[in-house]
Protein backbone atom coordinates (compact mmCIF):
# COMPACT_ATOMS: atom_id res chain seq x y z
CA UNK A 1 105.42 111.60 65.46
CA UNK A 2 102.07 112.47 66.21
CA UNK A 3 99.53 114.41 63.62
CA UNK A 4 98.75 116.81 66.60
CA UNK A 5 102.98 117.31 67.09
CA UNK A 6 102.95 118.16 63.31
CA UNK A 7 100.28 120.22 63.34
CA UNK A 8 101.80 122.36 66.19
CA UNK A 9 105.11 122.48 65.07
CA UNK A 10 103.76 124.14 61.44
CA UNK A 11 101.51 126.55 63.15
CA UNK A 12 104.67 127.09 65.55
CA UNK A 13 107.18 127.67 62.46
CA UNK A 14 104.74 129.74 60.56
CA UNK A 15 104.09 132.28 63.14
CA UNK A 16 108.05 132.47 63.86
CA UNK A 17 108.40 133.24 60.14
CA UNK A 18 105.96 135.87 59.78
CA UNK A 19 107.44 137.58 63.13
CA UNK A 20 110.39 137.43 61.46
CA UNK A 21 109.53 138.73 57.97
CA UNK A 22 107.18 141.53 59.44
CA UNK A 23 109.79 142.41 61.92
CA UNK A 24 112.14 143.02 59.54
CA UNK A 25 110.43 146.32 57.97
CA UNK A 26 108.87 147.26 61.38
CA UNK A 27 111.72 147.29 63.59
CA UNK A 28 114.40 148.53 61.90
CA UNK A 29 117.99 149.67 63.59
CA UNK A 30 117.82 152.70 61.46
CA UNK A 31 115.82 154.73 58.82
CA UNK A 32 116.33 153.71 55.42
CA UNK A 33 115.02 155.30 52.24
CA UNK A 34 113.21 153.44 49.60
CA UNK A 35 114.80 153.81 45.61
CA UNK A 36 111.82 155.53 43.65
CA UNK A 37 111.50 152.74 41.56
CA UNK A 38 110.70 150.53 44.32
CA UNK A 39 107.88 152.53 45.11
CA UNK A 40 106.44 153.35 42.28
CA UNK A 41 106.61 149.14 41.45
CA UNK A 42 104.88 148.61 45.36
CA UNK A 43 102.13 151.12 44.26
CA UNK A 44 101.17 149.41 40.57
CA UNK A 45 101.64 145.63 42.41
CA UNK A 46 97.94 145.91 43.70
CA UNK A 47 96.40 146.64 40.21
CA UNK A 48 98.84 143.31 38.53
CA UNK A 49 97.83 141.18 40.86
CA UNK A 50 94.25 141.61 40.00
CA UNK A 51 94.70 141.52 36.60
CA UNK A 52 96.86 138.01 37.32
CA UNK A 53 93.95 136.54 38.87
CA UNK A 54 90.73 137.98 37.00
CA UNK A 55 92.52 137.80 33.43
CA UNK A 56 92.59 133.79 33.54
CA UNK A 57 89.01 133.43 34.68
CA UNK A 58 88.13 136.33 31.90
CA UNK A 59 89.94 134.79 29.12
CA UNK A 60 90.29 131.19 29.58
CA UNK A 61 87.42 128.20 30.10
CA UNK A 62 88.66 124.69 31.00
CA UNK A 63 92.37 125.77 30.68
CA UNK A 64 92.21 126.87 26.97
CA UNK A 65 91.21 130.33 25.61
CA UNK A 66 87.75 131.47 24.74
CA UNK A 67 87.21 130.60 20.94
CA UNK A 68 83.85 131.91 21.26
CA UNK A 69 82.67 135.91 21.46
CA UNK A 70 79.81 133.81 22.89
CA UNK A 71 81.04 133.84 26.18
CA UNK A 72 79.04 135.97 28.99
CA UNK A 73 82.52 136.71 30.50
CA UNK A 74 83.75 138.55 27.80
CA UNK A 75 80.96 141.31 27.19
CA UNK A 76 80.48 141.63 30.95
CA UNK A 77 84.12 142.33 31.57
CA UNK A 78 83.80 145.18 27.99
CA UNK A 79 80.57 146.86 29.60
CA UNK A 80 82.69 147.18 33.04
CA UNK A 81 85.84 148.67 31.40
CA UNK A 82 83.58 150.85 29.68
CA UNK A 83 81.81 152.06 32.89
CA UNK A 84 85.04 152.55 34.71
CA UNK A 85 86.82 154.64 32.16
CA UNK A 86 83.34 156.73 32.28
CA UNK A 87 83.13 156.78 35.89
CA UNK A 88 86.16 154.89 37.94
CA UNK A 89 85.20 153.46 40.95
CA UNK A 90 84.37 150.00 42.53
CA UNK A 91 80.81 149.41 42.77
CA UNK A 92 80.02 150.56 39.26
CA UNK A 93 81.97 148.76 37.34
CA UNK A 94 80.67 145.38 39.49
CA UNK A 95 77.05 146.41 38.91
CA UNK A 96 77.23 147.00 35.29
CA UNK A 97 79.06 143.71 34.65
CA UNK A 98 76.74 142.03 36.77
CA UNK A 99 74.05 143.32 35.19
CA UNK A 100 75.58 142.44 31.45
CA UNK A 101 76.62 138.54 32.64
CA UNK A 102 73.40 137.49 34.33
CA UNK A 103 71.29 137.66 31.23
CA UNK A 104 73.30 136.79 28.95
CA UNK A 105 74.18 133.48 31.06
CA UNK A 106 70.97 133.03 32.90
CA UNK A 107 68.98 133.73 29.71
CA UNK A 108 70.69 133.07 26.98
CA UNK A 109 73.00 129.96 28.65
CA UNK A 110 76.21 131.84 27.25
C-alpha cells in the first residue's frame, strides 16, 4: 500500500471513531441520568487536567525536581496563586505571574 492510501485510511478510521464516540452521547434512544458522583467528577476534570499539565512545568527541570529556590517559575507561580486567591480570574494571575517571572529570568538569569 502506498503512503497516500495509508493516510486516507487513517483519516477515515479516525472519522468513524469520532462519529461513533460522539454519537454515543448525542443520539441515545432514551434519556439517561448521570449519577451525581459522575457529574461532580466531570466538573473537576478540567482543573485536574490543568494541574497535570502545569505542575511538571513548574516543579521539574530536565526530568528532575527543581532543587533550588532560585528558579523563576517558583516565585512566579506563588505570586500568581496569591493573586488568584485575592481576586479570582484568568488574566490577573497570568499578568502577575509574568511580571514576576520575566525580571527574574531575564535580569537575574534564574
